[in-house]
Amino acid sequence: MAALKLARAVAGGFGCGAVPGAPGTAASVAATLLGAALLAISPWVLALAAVVAVSVGIWAIARVGAAGDPSWIVIDEIAGQWIALLYLRDPAPLGLLAGFLLFRLFDIVKPGPVGWADRRSGPVAVMADDVVAGVLAALLLYLLRRAWPGVLD
């Protein structure tokens, strides 16, 4: 019983999934703020946190046995948002905002590989579309940083 409660807490982003109307956005905002703090320690700490979030998220989603991808499960948004921020080194507020907006855009619109991953089923698939959205956002942030050095961080 304790493992199920822990799995529900993890899958629900420790309360973010209970935010009415926009639980995924709430989780992304929380993840952006926590991600900025982790980046301040080291980009490697953020990378490790993202790997842990994906791994523990897959376990939690499997444990709660949710069908599909219910809106209260937001650990996938947290992991994807952290992945999106990985190319920011010393992020300025504009960089964090850009990372947040790009991730949410890819997560909502679901272009190409994000949509493909979203159409899969199972706990890994629930995580996969947000991981792919995070990777795409990170790559675009990288390109933006190269085009305008110093603007985003």
N, C-alpha and C. Protein backbone atom coordinates (compact mmCIF):
# COMPACT_ATOMS: atom_id res chain seq x y z
N MET A 1 0.83 -1.20 0.00
CA MET A 1 0.00 0.00 0.00
C MET A 1 0.87 1.26 0.00
N ALA A 2 1.96 1.26 0.74
CA ALA A 2 2.84 2.43 0.79
C ALA A 2 3.49 2.66 -0.58
N ALA A 3 3.83 1.57 -1.28
CA ALA A 3 4.44 1.71 -2.60
C ALA A 3 3.45 2.34 -3.58
N LEU A 4 2.18 2.00 -3.47
CA LEU A 4 1.17 2.58 -4.36
C LEU A 4 1.00 4.07 -4.07
N LYS A 5 1.00 4.45 -2.80
CA LYS A 5 0.90 5.87 -2.44
C LYS A 5 2.10 6.65 -2.96
N LEU A 6 3.29 6.07 -2.82
CA LEU A 6 4.49 6.72 -3.34
C LEU A 6 4.41 6.85 -4.86
N ALA A 7 3.96 5.78 -5.53
CA ALA A 7 3.84 5.81 -6.99
C ALA A 7 2.85 6.88 -7.43
N ARG A 8 1.74 7.01 -6.73
CA ARG A 8 0.76 8.06 -7.06
C ARG A 8 1.35 9.45 -6.85
N ALA A 9 2.10 9.63 -5.78
CA ALA A 9 2.72 10.93 -5.52
C ALA A 9 3.73 11.28 -6.61
N VAL A 10 4.55 10.31 -6.99
CA VAL A 10 5.55 10.53 -8.04
C VAL A 10 4.86 10.81 -9.37
N ALA A 11 3.93 9.94 -9.77
CA ALA A 11 3.24 10.09 -11.05
C ALA A 11 2.51 11.43 -11.12
N GLY A 12 1.96 11.86 -10.00
CA GLY A 12 1.22 13.13 -9.95
C GLY A 12 2.10 14.34 -9.70
N GLY A 13 3.40 14.17 -9.77
CA GLY A 13 4.30 15.31 -9.61
C GLY A 13 4.19 15.96 -8.24
N PHE A 14 3.96 15.15 -7.21
CA PHE A 14 3.87 15.63 -5.83
C PHE A 14 2.88 16.78 -5.69
N GLY A 15 1.73 16.60 -6.33
CA GLY A 15 0.64 17.58 -6.20
C GLY A 15 0.38 18.40 -7.44
N CYS A 16 1.34 18.52 -8.33
CA CYS A 16 1.13 19.32 -9.54
C CYS A 16 0.01 18.76 -10.40
N GLY A 17 -0.15 17.45 -10.39
CA GLY A 17 -1.18 16.81 -11.20
C GLY A 17 -2.59 17.09 -10.71
N ALA A 18 -2.71 17.65 -9.51
CA ALA A 18 -4.03 17.97 -8.96
C ALA A 18 -4.47 19.39 -9.27
N VAL A 19 -3.63 20.16 -9.95
CA VAL A 19 -3.99 21.54 -10.29
C VAL A 19 -5.12 21.50 -11.32
N PRO A 20 -6.25 22.11 -11.01
CA PRO A 20 -7.37 22.04 -11.94
C PRO A 20 -7.10 22.81 -13.24
N GLY A 21 -7.53 22.22 -14.34
CA GLY A 21 -7.46 22.90 -15.63
C GLY A 21 -6.18 22.76 -16.41
N ALA A 22 -5.03 22.82 -15.74
CA ALA A 22 -3.76 22.79 -16.46
C ALA A 22 -2.66 22.10 -15.65
N PRO A 23 -2.87 20.83 -15.29
CA PRO A 23 -1.86 20.16 -14.47
C PRO A 23 -0.51 20.02 -15.18
N GLY A 24 -0.50 19.79 -16.48
CA GLY A 24 0.76 19.66 -17.22
C GLY A 24 1.55 20.97 -17.23
N THR A 25 0.83 22.07 -17.41
CA THR A 25 1.48 23.38 -17.39
C THR A 25 2.00 23.69 -15.99
N ALA A 26 1.22 23.37 -14.97
CA ALA A 26 1.66 23.60 -13.58
C ALA A 26 2.93 22.80 -13.29
N ALA A 27 2.96 21.56 -13.76
CA ALA A 27 4.14 20.73 -13.55
C ALA A 27 5.34 21.29 -14.30
N SER A 28 5.12 21.82 -15.49
CA SER A 28 6.22 22.40 -16.27
C SER A 28 6.76 23.67 -15.61
N VAL A 29 5.87 24.48 -15.04
CA VAL A 29 6.32 25.68 -14.32
C VAL A 29 7.17 25.27 -13.12
N ALA A 30 6.66 24.32 -12.32
CA ALA A 30 7.42 23.85 -11.15
C ALA A 30 8.76 23.25 -11.58
N ALA A 31 8.74 22.47 -12.66
CA ALA A 31 9.98 21.85 -13.14
C ALA A 31 10.97 22.89 -13.65
N THR A 32 10.48 23.95 -14.27
CA THR A 32 11.37 25.01 -14.74
C THR A 32 12.05 25.70 -13.56
N LEU A 33 11.30 25.99 -12.53
CA LEU A 33 11.87 26.65 -11.35
C LEU A 33 12.88 25.75 -10.64
N LEU A 34 12.51 24.49 -10.45
CA LEU A 34 13.43 23.55 -9.82
C LEU A 34 14.62 23.28 -10.73
N GLY A 35 14.37 23.20 -12.03
CA GLY A 35 15.44 22.99 -13.00
C GLY A 35 16.46 24.12 -12.96
N ALA A 36 16.01 25.36 -12.79
CA ALA A 36 16.93 26.49 -12.68
C ALA A 36 17.83 26.33 -11.46
N ALA A 37 17.24 25.87 -10.35
CA ALA A 37 18.04 25.66 -9.13
C ALA A 37 19.05 24.53 -9.34
N LEU A 38 18.64 23.47 -10.01
CA LEU A 38 19.56 22.35 -10.27
C LEU A 38 20.67 22.77 -11.23
N LEU A 39 20.34 23.59 -12.23
CA LEU A 39 21.36 24.10 -13.15
C LEU A 39 22.37 24.97 -12.42
N ALA A 40 21.90 25.71 -11.42
CA ALA A 40 22.80 26.56 -10.65
C ALA A 40 23.85 25.72 -9.92
N ILE A 41 23.49 24.50 -9.57
CA ILE A 41 24.45 23.58 -8.95
C ILE A 41 25.39 23.06 -10.03
N SER A 42 24.80 22.47 -11.08
CA SER A 42 25.58 21.94 -12.20
C SER A 42 24.63 21.39 -13.26
N PRO A 43 24.96 21.56 -14.54
CA PRO A 43 24.14 20.93 -15.58
C PRO A 43 24.09 19.41 -15.42
N TRP A 44 25.13 18.83 -14.86
CA TRP A 44 25.16 17.39 -14.64
C TRP A 44 24.12 16.96 -13.60
N VAL A 45 23.87 17.82 -12.62
CA VAL A 45 22.86 17.52 -11.61
C VAL A 45 21.47 17.51 -12.27
N LEU A 46 21.24 18.48 -13.15
CA LEU A 46 19.96 18.50 -13.87
C LEU A 46 19.82 17.28 -14.77
N ALA A 47 20.88 16.90 -15.45
CA ALA A 47 20.84 15.72 -16.32
C ALA A 47 20.54 14.46 -15.50
N LEU A 48 21.18 14.33 -14.36
CA LEU A 48 20.92 13.18 -13.49
C LEU A 48 19.47 13.19 -12.99
N ALA A 49 18.97 14.37 -12.62
CA ALA A 49 17.58 14.47 -12.16
C ALA A 49 16.62 14.06 -13.27
N ALA A 50 16.92 14.43 -14.51
CA ALA A 50 16.06 14.05 -15.63
C ALA A 50 16.06 12.54 -15.83
N VAL A 51 17.22 11.92 -15.74
CA VAL A 51 17.32 10.46 -15.90
C VAL A 51 16.54 9.77 -14.77
N VAL A 52 16.69 10.25 -13.56
CA VAL A 52 15.97 9.68 -12.42
C VAL A 52 14.46 9.86 -12.61
N ALA A 53 14.04 11.05 -13.05
CA ALA A 53 12.61 11.31 -13.25
C ALA A 53 12.02 10.37 -14.30
N VAL A 54 12.75 10.14 -15.38
CA VAL A 54 12.27 9.21 -16.41
C VAL A 54 12.17 7.79 -15.84
N SER A 55 13.21 7.34 -15.18
CA SER A 55 13.24 5.98 -14.64
C SER A 55 12.18 5.76 -13.57
N VAL A 56 12.13 6.64 -12.60
CA VAL A 56 11.16 6.51 -11.52
C VAL A 56 9.75 6.75 -12.06
N GLY A 57 9.63 7.63 -13.04
CA GLY A 57 8.33 7.90 -13.65
C GLY A 57 7.76 6.66 -14.33
N ILE A 58 8.59 5.94 -15.05
CA ILE A 58 8.11 4.71 -15.70
C ILE A 58 7.62 3.72 -14.65
N TRP A 59 8.39 3.57 -13.56
CA TRP A 59 7.97 2.68 -12.47
C TRP A 59 6.63 3.15 -11.89
N ALA A 60 6.51 4.45 -11.60
CA ALA A 60 5.31 4.97 -10.95
C ALA A 60 4.09 4.81 -11.85
N ILE A 61 4.24 5.10 -13.12
CA ILE A 61 3.11 4.98 -14.05
C ILE A 61 2.67 3.52 -14.16
N ALA A 62 3.63 2.62 -14.23
CA ALA A 62 3.29 1.19 -14.27
C ALA A 62 2.60 0.76 -12.98
N ARG A 63 3.09 1.24 -11.86
CA ARG A 63 2.56 0.83 -10.54
C ARG A 63 1.13 1.30 -10.33
N VAL A 64 0.81 2.54 -10.79
CA VAL A 64 -0.56 3.03 -10.58
C VAL A 64 -1.54 2.40 -11.57
N GLY A 65 -1.02 1.79 -12.63
CA GLY A 65 -1.85 1.06 -13.57
C GLY A 65 -2.86 1.91 -14.31
N ALA A 66 -2.53 3.16 -14.55
CA ALA A 66 -3.45 4.06 -15.26
C ALA A 66 -3.55 3.66 -16.72
N ALA A 67 -4.76 3.72 -17.24
CA ALA A 67 -4.97 3.44 -18.66
C ALA A 67 -4.72 4.73 -19.44
N GLY A 68 -3.95 4.63 -20.52
CA GLY A 68 -3.66 5.81 -21.33
C GLY A 68 -2.73 6.77 -20.61
N ASP A 69 -2.96 8.05 -20.79
CA ASP A 69 -2.13 9.09 -20.19
C ASP A 69 -3.06 10.12 -19.54
N PRO A 70 -3.61 9.79 -18.36
CA PRO A 70 -4.53 10.72 -17.71
C PRO A 70 -3.82 12.03 -17.35
N SER A 71 -4.59 13.11 -17.32
CA SER A 71 -4.00 14.44 -17.12
C SER A 71 -3.34 14.60 -15.76
N TRP A 72 -3.70 13.80 -14.77
CA TRP A 72 -3.10 13.95 -13.44
C TRP A 72 -1.69 13.39 -13.38
N ILE A 73 -1.32 12.55 -14.34
CA ILE A 73 0.05 12.04 -14.39
C ILE A 73 0.91 13.10 -15.08
N VAL A 74 1.84 13.69 -14.30
CA VAL A 74 2.65 14.80 -14.82
C VAL A 74 4.15 14.58 -14.65
N ILE A 75 4.56 13.44 -14.14
CA ILE A 75 6.00 13.19 -14.01
C ILE A 75 6.67 13.23 -15.38
N ASP A 76 5.92 12.89 -16.42
CA ASP A 76 6.46 12.96 -17.77
C ASP A 76 6.74 14.40 -18.19
N GLU A 77 5.88 15.33 -17.81
CA GLU A 77 6.13 16.75 -18.10
C GLU A 77 7.35 17.26 -17.34
N ILE A 78 7.50 16.82 -16.10
CA ILE A 78 8.65 17.25 -15.30
C ILE A 78 9.95 16.77 -15.96
N ALA A 79 9.99 15.51 -16.32
CA ALA A 79 11.20 14.97 -16.96
C ALA A 79 11.47 15.67 -18.29
N GLY A 80 10.44 15.84 -19.10
CA GLY A 80 10.62 16.49 -20.40
C GLY A 80 11.07 17.93 -20.26
N GLN A 81 10.52 18.64 -19.27
CA GLN A 81 10.92 20.03 -19.07
C GLN A 81 12.39 20.11 -18.64
N TRP A 82 12.82 19.21 -17.78
CA TRP A 82 14.23 19.21 -17.38
C TRP A 82 15.14 18.91 -18.56
N ILE A 83 14.73 18.01 -19.42
CA ILE A 83 15.52 17.72 -20.62
C ILE A 83 15.61 18.96 -21.49
N ALA A 84 14.50 19.68 -21.62
CA ALA A 84 14.48 20.89 -22.45
C ALA A 84 15.48 21.93 -21.96
N LEU A 85 15.73 21.98 -20.67
CA LEU A 85 16.62 23.01 -20.10
C LEU A 85 18.10 22.63 -20.11
N LEU A 86 18.42 21.44 -20.57
CA LEU A 86 19.79 20.94 -20.43
C LEU A 86 20.85 21.78 -21.15
N TYR A 87 20.52 22.45 -22.23
CA TYR A 87 21.53 23.24 -22.94
C TYR A 87 21.73 24.63 -22.35
N LEU A 88 20.94 25.00 -21.38
CA LEU A 88 21.15 26.28 -20.72
C LEU A 88 22.20 26.06 -19.63
N ARG A 89 23.20 26.90 -19.60
CA ARG A 89 24.27 26.70 -18.62
C ARG A 89 24.09 27.59 -17.39
N ASP A 90 23.89 28.87 -17.60
CA ASP A 90 23.66 29.83 -16.53
C ASP A 90 22.45 30.64 -16.97
N PRO A 91 21.28 30.05 -16.88
CA PRO A 91 20.13 30.60 -17.57
C PRO A 91 19.64 31.94 -17.06
N ALA A 92 19.44 32.84 -18.00
CA ALA A 92 18.76 34.10 -17.72
C ALA A 92 17.26 33.81 -17.72
N PRO A 93 16.48 34.70 -17.15
CA PRO A 93 15.02 34.49 -17.17
C PRO A 93 14.48 34.26 -18.58
N LEU A 94 15.06 34.93 -19.58
CA LEU A 94 14.61 34.73 -20.96
C LEU A 94 14.88 33.30 -21.43
N GLY A 95 16.01 32.73 -21.03
CA GLY A 95 16.33 31.36 -21.40
C GLY A 95 15.37 30.37 -20.76
N LEU A 96 15.05 30.58 -19.49
CA LEU A 96 14.09 29.70 -18.81
C LEU A 96 12.71 29.80 -19.44
N LEU A 97 12.31 31.04 -19.76
CA LEU A 97 11.02 31.22 -20.42
C LEU A 97 11.00 30.55 -21.78
N ALA A 98 12.07 30.70 -22.55
CA ALA A 98 12.15 30.07 -23.87
C ALA A 98 12.09 28.55 -23.73
N GLY A 99 12.81 27.99 -22.77
CA GLY A 99 12.78 26.54 -22.55
C GLY A 99 11.40 26.06 -22.17
N PHE A 100 10.74 26.80 -21.30
CA PHE A 100 9.39 26.45 -20.89
C PHE A 100 8.43 26.49 -22.08
N LEU A 101 8.46 27.60 -22.83
CA LEU A 101 7.53 27.76 -23.94
C LEU A 101 7.77 26.75 -25.06
N LEU A 102 9.04 26.50 -25.38
CA LEU A 102 9.33 25.53 -26.44
C LEU A 102 8.88 24.13 -26.05
N PHE A 103 9.16 23.75 -24.81
CA PHE A 103 8.71 22.42 -24.37
C PHE A 103 7.20 22.31 -24.41
N ARG A 104 6.49 23.30 -23.88
CA ARG A 104 5.03 23.24 -23.87
C ARG A 104 4.48 23.21 -25.29
N LEU A 105 5.09 24.00 -26.20
CA LEU A 105 4.65 24.00 -27.59
C LEU A 105 4.77 22.61 -28.19
N PHE A 106 5.94 21.99 -28.05
CA PHE A 106 6.14 20.65 -28.62
C PHE A 106 5.24 19.62 -27.93
N ASP A 107 5.02 19.78 -26.63
CA ASP A 107 4.19 18.83 -25.89
C ASP A 107 2.72 18.94 -26.29
N ILE A 108 2.27 20.14 -26.58
CA ILE A 108 0.86 20.35 -26.93
C ILE A 108 0.59 20.06 -28.41
N VAL A 109 1.44 20.59 -29.30
CA VAL A 109 1.24 20.44 -30.74
C VAL A 109 1.59 19.03 -31.21
N LYS A 110 2.57 18.42 -30.57
CA LYS A 110 3.03 17.06 -30.86
C LYS A 110 3.44 16.85 -32.33
N PRO A 111 4.43 17.63 -32.78
CA PRO A 111 4.89 17.47 -34.16
C PRO A 111 5.68 16.17 -34.35
N GLY A 112 5.60 15.60 -35.54
CA GLY A 112 6.41 14.46 -35.96
C GLY A 112 6.65 13.40 -34.93
N PRO A 113 7.90 13.28 -34.46
CA PRO A 113 8.24 12.18 -33.54
C PRO A 113 7.54 12.27 -32.18
N VAL A 114 7.14 13.47 -31.77
CA VAL A 114 6.40 13.60 -30.50
C VAL A 114 5.03 12.95 -30.65
N GLY A 115 4.37 13.22 -31.76
CA GLY A 115 3.07 12.61 -32.04
C GLY A 115 3.16 11.11 -32.19
N TRP A 116 4.22 10.65 -32.86
CA TRP A 116 4.43 9.21 -33.01
C TRP A 116 4.55 8.55 -31.64
N ALA A 117 5.37 9.13 -30.76
CA ALA A 117 5.55 8.57 -29.42
C ALA A 117 4.26 8.62 -28.62
N ASP A 118 3.48 9.68 -28.82
CA ASP A 118 2.22 9.84 -28.10
C ASP A 118 1.20 8.77 -28.48
N ARG A 119 1.29 8.24 -29.67
CA ARG A 119 0.33 7.22 -30.13
C ARG A 119 0.68 5.82 -29.64
N ARG A 120 1.82 5.63 -28.99
CA ARG A 120 2.19 4.33 -28.42
C ARG A 120 1.42 4.15 -27.11
N SER A 121 1.48 2.96 -26.55
CA SER A 121 0.79 2.71 -25.28
C SER A 121 1.73 2.09 -24.26
N GLY A 122 1.36 2.25 -23.01
CA GLY A 122 2.15 1.69 -21.91
C GLY A 122 2.91 2.76 -21.16
N PRO A 123 3.47 2.41 -20.02
CA PRO A 123 4.19 3.38 -19.18
C PRO A 123 5.37 4.06 -19.88
N VAL A 124 6.12 3.30 -20.68
CA VAL A 124 7.26 3.91 -21.39
C VAL A 124 6.75 4.93 -22.39
N ALA A 125 5.66 4.63 -23.06
CA ALA A 125 5.10 5.56 -24.05
C ALA A 125 4.58 6.84 -23.40
N VAL A 126 4.01 6.72 -22.19
CA VAL A 126 3.54 7.92 -21.49
C VAL A 126 4.71 8.89 -21.28
N MET A 127 5.86 8.34 -20.95
CA MET A 127 7.05 9.17 -20.76
C MET A 127 7.65 9.62 -22.09
N ALA A 128 7.55 8.78 -23.11
CA ALA A 128 8.30 8.99 -24.35
C ALA A 128 7.95 10.27 -25.09
N ASP A 129 6.67 10.62 -25.19
CA ASP A 129 6.34 11.82 -25.96
C ASP A 129 6.90 13.07 -25.31
N ASP A 130 6.93 13.10 -23.99
CA ASP A 130 7.49 14.27 -23.30
C ASP A 130 9.01 14.29 -23.34
N VAL A 131 9.62 13.12 -23.31
CA VAL A 131 11.08 13.05 -23.48
C VAL A 131 11.47 13.57 -24.87
N VAL A 132 10.74 13.13 -25.89
CA VAL A 132 11.03 13.58 -27.26
C VAL A 132 10.77 15.09 -27.37
N ALA A 133 9.68 15.57 -26.80
CA ALA A 133 9.39 17.01 -26.82
C ALA A 133 10.51 17.79 -26.12
N GLY A 134 11.02 17.24 -25.01
CA GLY A 134 12.13 17.87 -24.31
C GLY A 134 13.40 17.91 -25.13
N VAL A 135 13.68 16.81 -25.83
CA VAL A 135 14.88 16.76 -26.69
C VAL A 135 14.76 17.78 -27.81
N LEU A 136 13.60 17.85 -28.45
CA LEU A 136 13.41 18.84 -29.53
C LEU A 136 13.56 20.27 -29.01
N ALA A 137 12.98 20.55 -27.85
CA ALA A 137 13.10 21.89 -27.26
C ALA A 137 14.55 22.19 -26.92
N ALA A 138 15.27 21.21 -26.37
CA ALA A 138 16.69 21.40 -26.03
C ALA A 138 17.52 21.69 -27.28
N LEU A 139 17.26 20.95 -28.35
CA LEU A 139 18.00 21.18 -29.59
C LEU A 139 17.72 22.57 -30.15
N LEU A 140 16.49 23.00 -30.11
CA LEU A 140 16.16 24.34 -30.58
C LEU A 140 16.78 25.41 -29.69
N LEU A 141 16.78 25.19 -28.39
CA LEU A 141 17.45 26.13 -27.48
C LEU A 141 18.94 26.20 -27.78
N TYR A 142 19.55 25.07 -28.07
CA TYR A 142 20.96 25.03 -28.42
C TYR A 142 21.22 25.89 -29.66
N LEU A 143 20.37 25.72 -30.67
CA LEU A 143 20.53 26.51 -31.90
C LEU A 143 20.32 28.00 -31.63
N LEU A 144 19.36 28.32 -30.80
CA LEU A 144 19.13 29.73 -30.44
C LEU A 144 20.31 30.32 -29.69
N ARG A 145 20.89 29.53 -28.78
CA ARG A 145 22.08 29.99 -28.04
C ARG A 145 23.25 30.24 -28.99
N ARG A 146 23.39 29.40 -30.00
CA ARG A 146 24.47 29.56 -30.99
C ARG A 146 24.24 30.81 -31.85
N ALA A 147 22.97 31.05 -32.21
CA ALA A 147 22.64 32.18 -33.05
C ALA A 147 22.76 33.51 -32.31
N TRP A 148 22.40 33.53 -31.02
CA TRP A 148 22.44 34.74 -30.21
C TRP A 148 23.15 34.47 -28.89
N PRO A 149 24.48 34.37 -28.93
CA PRO A 149 25.23 34.09 -27.71
C PRO A 149 24.95 35.11 -26.60
N GLY A 150 24.78 34.58 -25.40
CA GLY A 150 24.60 35.44 -24.24
C GLY A 150 23.20 35.93 -24.00
N VAL A 151 22.29 35.69 -24.91
CA VAL A 151 20.92 36.19 -24.75
C VAL A 151 20.11 35.32 -23.80
N LEU A 152 20.25 34.01 -23.94
CA LEU A 152 19.45 33.08 -23.15
C LEU A 152 20.11 32.67 -21.84
N ASP A 153 21.42 32.89 -21.76
CA ASP A 153 22.11 32.59 -20.49
C ASP A 153 23.33 33.46 -20.34
